[in-house]
């Protein structure tokens, strides 16, 4: 099996897990708040990563000083990204969150193709433009009241390619488990302190109600899914990984309808079409003319 094929299979597996992330998070947030949900999920995933690092003897990787710049930058951008996602999900739907986060492909193409001034094919430019139209359709308000949650998540989507870039660089020095474990160790005290300062004190009953969802987020999403993501980034390009999660938005819309009774809005269904088409066009191989 080729390295490219391995990466594609990894993305397929993580897409199933990631499609449940906004659904589980919104339920947990309803009990204990956004930042508390993030903090407790990190706490649970910390045990997961420390156990793996101890079992595989990976703590020795942290002795590599060359890795620390990329590890710290990865931790900063990923922590900021998810803080914005959790805060934004308080004000929007699971379906909107999933579709808007898919626009990270647009930002990935923008950063790594346009800003780096690489040759741009017409088909790729069209794909980027179509994705932008799709995002505007979803973000466009029905009654001139802009949904701040959608815009907060859009900011998170714009950060995602940068986080992926430093994650890919860190993976050269360390394993995926070490990178994610390090990020969790750095993020947990920061997010826990912010939750304690900003959000109301949570009750034991509320925590018990949220616990099943926190366990799933901490282990399946922040644990297994993120390992699959890191390994996929190690095998294929950032833009392709971002594009291949195209199944996540429609899967989330479907699961949210089943589990949360969220009926997809016409605007969501209309907006997802150009986003998926644009994503497909962006991942088509470049055509080079023979000179």
Protein backbone atom coordinates (compact mmCIF):
# COMPACT_ATOMS: atom_id res chain seq x y z
CA UNK A 1 0.00 0.00 0.00
CA UNK A 2 1.38 3.41 -0.95
CA UNK A 3 1.93 6.22 1.56
CA UNK A 4 -0.69 8.29 -0.29
CA UNK A 5 -3.26 5.50 -0.01
CA UNK A 6 -2.56 5.06 3.71
CA UNK A 7 -3.19 8.77 4.24
CA UNK A 8 -6.49 8.60 2.36
CA UNK A 9 -7.70 5.67 4.48
CA UNK A 10 -6.72 7.48 7.68
CA UNK A 11 -8.75 10.52 6.60
CA UNK A 12 -11.73 8.28 5.88
CA UNK A 13 -11.64 6.89 9.41
CA UNK A 14 -11.23 10.23 11.12
CA UNK A 15 -14.08 11.75 9.06
CA UNK A 16 -16.57 9.39 10.71
CA UNK A 17 -15.39 10.40 14.18
CA UNK A 18 -15.16 14.11 13.38
CA UNK A 19 -18.73 14.20 12.08
CA UNK A 20 -19.91 13.56 15.66
CA UNK A 21 -17.73 16.24 17.25
CA UNK A 22 -20.14 19.22 16.97
CA UNK A 23 -23.09 17.08 18.07
CA UNK A 24 -21.38 15.75 21.20
CA UNK A 25 -19.93 19.17 21.99
CA UNK A 26 -23.21 21.05 21.73
CA UNK A 27 -24.88 18.61 24.14
CA UNK A 28 -22.00 18.87 26.64
CA UNK A 29 -21.94 22.67 26.32
CA UNK A 30 -25.63 22.80 27.21
CA UNK A 31 -24.76 21.28 30.60
CA UNK A 32 -21.45 22.88 31.62
CA UNK A 33 -20.56 25.66 29.15
CA UNK A 34 -18.11 25.95 26.26
CA UNK A 35 -14.74 26.39 27.97
CA UNK A 36 -15.54 23.86 30.70
CA UNK A 37 -16.40 21.34 27.97
CA UNK A 38 -13.07 22.02 26.30
CA UNK A 39 -11.16 21.82 29.60
CA UNK A 40 -12.69 18.52 30.77
CA UNK A 41 -12.26 16.99 27.31
CA UNK A 42 -8.57 17.93 27.42
CA UNK A 43 -8.29 16.46 30.93
CA UNK A 44 -9.69 13.13 29.73
CA UNK A 45 -7.51 13.06 26.62
CA UNK A 46 -4.45 13.87 28.74
CA UNK A 47 -4.73 10.50 30.50
CA UNK A 48 -5.12 8.84 27.12
CA UNK A 49 -1.94 10.39 25.69
CA UNK A 50 0.17 9.98 28.83
CA UNK A 51 -0.77 6.29 28.95
CA UNK A 52 0.28 5.84 25.30
CA UNK A 53 3.50 7.79 25.79
CA UNK A 54 4.44 5.69 28.83
CA UNK A 55 3.56 2.44 27.07
CA UNK A 56 5.58 3.32 23.96
CA UNK A 57 8.42 5.11 25.77
CA UNK A 58 7.81 8.34 23.91
CA UNK A 59 8.77 10.84 26.63
CA UNK A 60 12.35 10.63 25.36
CA UNK A 61 11.18 12.47 22.21
CA UNK A 62 10.71 15.60 24.31
CA UNK A 63 14.48 15.77 24.76
CA UNK A 64 14.77 16.88 21.14
CA UNK A 65 15.23 20.65 21.37
CA UNK A 66 14.79 21.08 17.63
CA UNK A 67 11.14 20.08 18.01
CA UNK A 68 10.12 22.67 20.59
CA UNK A 69 9.51 25.63 18.29
CA UNK A 70 7.06 23.66 16.17
CA UNK A 71 5.54 21.94 19.22
CA UNK A 72 4.84 25.26 20.92
CA UNK A 73 3.44 26.88 17.78
CA UNK A 74 1.28 23.82 17.11
CA UNK A 75 -0.02 23.96 20.68
CA UNK A 76 -0.79 27.67 20.46
CA UNK A 77 -2.70 27.54 17.18
CA UNK A 78 -4.62 24.33 17.91
CA UNK A 79 -5.59 25.52 21.39
CA UNK A 80 -6.78 28.86 20.00
CA UNK A 81 -8.64 27.12 17.18
CA UNK A 82 -10.61 24.82 19.46
CA UNK A 83 -11.31 27.55 22.01
CA UNK A 84 -12.96 29.56 19.22
CA UNK A 85 -14.85 26.49 17.99
CA UNK A 86 -16.29 25.70 21.42
CA UNK A 87 -17.23 29.33 22.05
CA UNK A 88 -18.82 29.62 18.59
CA UNK A 89 -20.87 26.46 19.04
CA UNK A 90 -22.83 28.17 21.81
CA UNK A 91 -24.47 30.38 19.18
CA UNK A 92 -24.92 28.15 16.14
CA UNK A 93 -25.95 24.65 15.06
CA UNK A 94 -23.91 21.47 14.70
CA UNK A 95 -24.56 21.50 10.95
CA UNK A 96 -23.38 25.07 10.47
CA UNK A 97 -20.24 24.43 12.51
CA UNK A 98 -19.29 21.40 10.44
CA UNK A 99 -19.90 23.08 7.09
CA UNK A 100 -18.07 26.29 8.02
CA UNK A 101 -15.02 24.39 9.35
CA UNK A 102 -14.75 22.72 5.95
CA UNK A 103 -13.82 26.12 4.51
CA UNK A 104 -10.38 25.52 6.02
CA UNK A 105 -9.67 23.99 2.60
CA UNK A 106 -10.24 27.42 1.05
CA UNK A 107 -7.85 29.03 3.54
CA UNK A 108 -5.34 26.21 3.06
CA UNK A 109 -5.33 26.83 -0.68
CA UNK A 110 -5.09 30.58 -0.10
CA UNK A 111 -2.11 30.34 2.26
CA UNK A 112 -0.07 27.64 0.58
CA UNK A 113 -0.83 28.30 -3.08
CA UNK A 114 -1.67 31.96 -3.53
CA UNK A 115 0.49 33.56 -0.83
CA UNK A 116 3.46 31.35 -1.66
CA UNK A 117 3.00 32.48 -5.27
CA UNK A 118 2.96 29.02 -6.75
CA UNK A 119 1.50 28.51 -10.23
CA UNK A 120 -2.30 28.62 -10.05
CA UNK A 121 -4.40 26.57 -12.42
CA UNK A 122 -7.67 28.06 -13.64
CA UNK A 123 -9.60 25.06 -12.28
CA UNK A 124 -8.14 25.60 -8.80
CA UNK A 125 -8.96 29.30 -8.86
CA UNK A 126 -12.54 28.46 -9.83
CA UNK A 127 -12.72 25.93 -7.00
CA UNK A 128 -11.55 28.48 -4.43
CA UNK A 129 -14.05 31.04 -5.72
CA UNK A 130 -16.93 28.54 -5.59
CA UNK A 131 -16.05 27.57 -2.01
CA UNK A 132 -16.10 31.23 -1.03
CA UNK A 133 -19.59 31.58 -2.52
CA UNK A 134 -20.77 28.58 -0.51
CA UNK A 135 -19.43 30.03 2.73
CA UNK A 136 -21.17 33.36 2.02
CA UNK A 137 -24.48 31.57 1.40
CA UNK A 138 -24.26 29.81 4.77
CA UNK A 139 -23.13 32.91 6.64
CA UNK A 140 -25.67 35.23 5.01
CA UNK A 141 -28.32 36.06 7.63
CA UNK A 142 -32.02 35.50 6.98
CA UNK A 143 -33.16 38.55 8.91
CA UNK A 144 -30.14 40.89 8.95
CA UNK A 145 -29.10 39.51 12.37
CA UNK A 146 -25.63 38.09 11.89
CA UNK A 147 -24.87 34.89 13.79
CA UNK A 148 -21.71 35.62 15.74
CA UNK A 149 -21.15 31.92 16.34
CA UNK A 150 -20.73 31.29 12.61
CA UNK A 151 -18.18 34.07 12.29
CA UNK A 152 -16.20 32.89 15.33
CA UNK A 153 -16.01 29.42 13.79
CA UNK A 154 -14.99 30.93 10.44
CA UNK A 155 -12.04 32.56 12.22
CA UNK A 156 -11.18 29.13 13.65
CA UNK A 157 -11.31 27.65 10.13
CA UNK A 158 -8.85 30.31 8.96
CA UNK A 159 -6.42 29.26 11.71
CA UNK A 160 -6.67 25.52 10.94
CA UNK A 161 -4.22 25.44 7.99
CA UNK A 162 -1.59 27.25 10.08
CA UNK A 163 -2.04 24.73 12.90
CA UNK A 164 -1.76 21.90 10.36
CA UNK A 165 1.40 23.42 8.90
CA UNK A 166 3.23 23.43 12.24
CA UNK A 167 1.80 20.03 13.13
CA UNK A 168 3.26 18.62 9.92
CA UNK A 169 6.65 20.17 10.75
CA UNK A 170 6.57 18.88 14.32
CA UNK A 171 5.78 15.38 13.04
CA UNK A 172 9.25 15.27 11.46
CA UNK A 173 10.76 15.36 14.97
CA UNK A 174 8.13 13.59 17.09
CA UNK A 175 5.39 11.00 16.91
CA UNK A 176 1.74 12.05 16.64
CA UNK A 177 1.09 10.88 20.19
CA UNK A 178 3.92 13.03 21.56
CA UNK A 179 2.76 16.12 19.66
CA UNK A 180 -0.83 15.74 20.85
CA UNK A 181 0.23 14.88 24.39
CA UNK A 182 2.48 17.95 24.54
CA UNK A 183 -0.31 20.14 23.14
CA UNK A 184 -2.74 18.81 25.74
CA UNK A 185 -0.31 19.45 28.60
CA UNK A 186 0.17 23.05 27.43
CA UNK A 187 -3.50 23.74 26.67
CA UNK A 188 -5.19 22.24 29.75
CA UNK A 189 -4.06 24.75 32.44
CA UNK A 190 -4.73 27.71 30.13
CA UNK A 191 -8.25 26.62 29.17
CA UNK A 192 -9.09 25.48 32.72
CA UNK A 193 -8.09 28.88 34.10
CA UNK A 194 -10.13 30.70 31.46
CA UNK A 195 -13.15 28.50 32.20
CA UNK A 196 -12.84 29.21 35.92
CA UNK A 197 -12.61 32.98 35.33
CA UNK A 198 -15.15 33.44 32.54
CA UNK A 199 -17.86 30.83 33.09
CA UNK A 200 -20.18 30.19 36.05
CA UNK A 201 -19.34 27.45 38.51
CA UNK A 202 -20.74 24.11 37.38
CA UNK A 203 -22.72 21.71 39.57
CA UNK A 204 -21.87 18.05 40.15
CA UNK A 205 -25.19 17.05 38.57
CA UNK A 206 -24.41 19.02 35.41
CA UNK A 207 -20.97 17.43 35.20
CA UNK A 208 -22.46 13.95 35.59
CA UNK A 209 -24.93 14.66 32.78
CA UNK A 210 -22.14 15.88 30.51
CA UNK A 211 -19.67 13.11 31.42
CA UNK A 212 -20.63 10.55 28.70
CA UNK A 213 -20.22 13.22 26.02
CA UNK A 214 -16.96 14.46 27.54
CA UNK A 215 -15.55 10.92 27.52
CA UNK A 216 -16.42 10.51 23.85
CA UNK A 217 -14.93 13.89 22.93
CA UNK A 218 -11.79 13.35 25.00
CA UNK A 219 -11.08 9.80 23.83
CA UNK A 220 -12.59 9.45 20.35
CA UNK A 221 -12.26 13.04 19.03
CA UNK A 222 -9.29 14.56 20.86
CA UNK A 223 -7.60 11.17 21.12
CA UNK A 224 -8.07 8.66 18.30
CA UNK A 225 -9.31 11.10 15.65
CA UNK A 226 -6.45 13.55 16.17
CA UNK A 227 -3.86 10.74 15.95
CA UNK A 228 -5.40 9.72 12.63
CA UNK A 229 -5.30 13.37 11.53
CA UNK A 230 -1.62 13.78 12.43
CA UNK A 231 -0.67 10.55 10.68
CA UNK A 232 -2.62 11.58 7.58
CA UNK A 233 -0.81 14.95 7.51
CA UNK A 234 2.46 13.05 7.66
CA UNK A 235 1.54 11.15 4.49
CA UNK A 236 -0.34 13.58 2.25
CA UNK A 237 -0.56 17.35 1.71
CA UNK A 238 -2.40 19.71 4.04
CA UNK A 239 -4.72 20.85 1.24
CA UNK A 240 -5.63 17.28 0.31
CA UNK A 241 -6.30 16.26 3.93
CA UNK A 242 -8.51 19.33 4.36
CA UNK A 243 -10.38 18.52 1.15
CA UNK A 244 -10.88 14.84 1.91
CA UNK A 245 -12.94 15.60 5.02
CA UNK A 246 -15.67 16.76 2.63
CA UNK A 247 -17.91 13.97 3.91
CA UNK A 248 -17.93 15.41 7.43
CA UNK A 249 -20.45 18.26 6.83
CA UNK A 250 -23.20 16.13 5.21
CA UNK A 251 -22.63 13.36 7.78
CA UNK A 252 -22.93 15.88 10.61
CA UNK A 253 -26.11 17.32 9.12
CA UNK A 254 -27.55 13.80 8.94
CA UNK A 255 -26.51 12.76 12.48
CA UNK A 256 -27.65 16.12 13.92
CA UNK A 257 -31.05 15.57 12.34
CA UNK A 258 -31.27 12.06 13.87
CA UNK A 259 -29.84 12.86 17.31
CA UNK A 260 -30.58 16.55 17.92
CA UNK A 261 -33.68 16.95 15.71
CA UNK A 262 -31.85 19.71 13.85
CA UNK A 263 -33.69 20.06 10.56
CA UNK A 264 -31.19 21.30 7.93
CA UNK A 265 -32.11 24.74 6.64
CA UNK A 266 -32.46 25.29 2.92
CA UNK A 267 -29.58 27.78 3.17
CA UNK A 268 -27.34 25.08 4.68
CA UNK A 269 -28.20 22.55 2.01
CA UNK A 270 -27.73 25.15 -0.72
CA UNK A 271 -24.41 26.38 0.69
CA UNK A 272 -22.89 22.94 1.12
CA UNK A 273 -23.18 22.19 -2.62
CA UNK A 274 -20.68 24.84 -3.85
CA UNK A 275 -18.38 24.09 -0.90
CA UNK A 276 -18.16 20.41 -1.83
CA UNK A 277 -17.83 21.19 -5.56
CA UNK A 278 -15.13 23.74 -4.83
CA UNK A 279 -13.32 21.27 -2.59
CA UNK A 280 -13.37 18.68 -5.36
CA UNK A 281 -11.96 21.14 -7.90
CA UNK A 282 -9.20 22.24 -5.52
CA UNK A 283 -7.94 18.69 -5.16
CA UNK A 284 -7.74 17.93 -8.89
CA UNK A 285 -4.12 17.46 -9.98
CA UNK A 286 -2.43 20.45 -11.55
CA UNK A 287 -2.04 20.32 -15.31
CA UNK A 288 1.31 21.39 -16.64
CA UNK A 289 1.76 22.20 -20.27
CA UNK A 290 4.58 20.57 -22.17
CA UNK A 291 7.06 23.16 -23.37
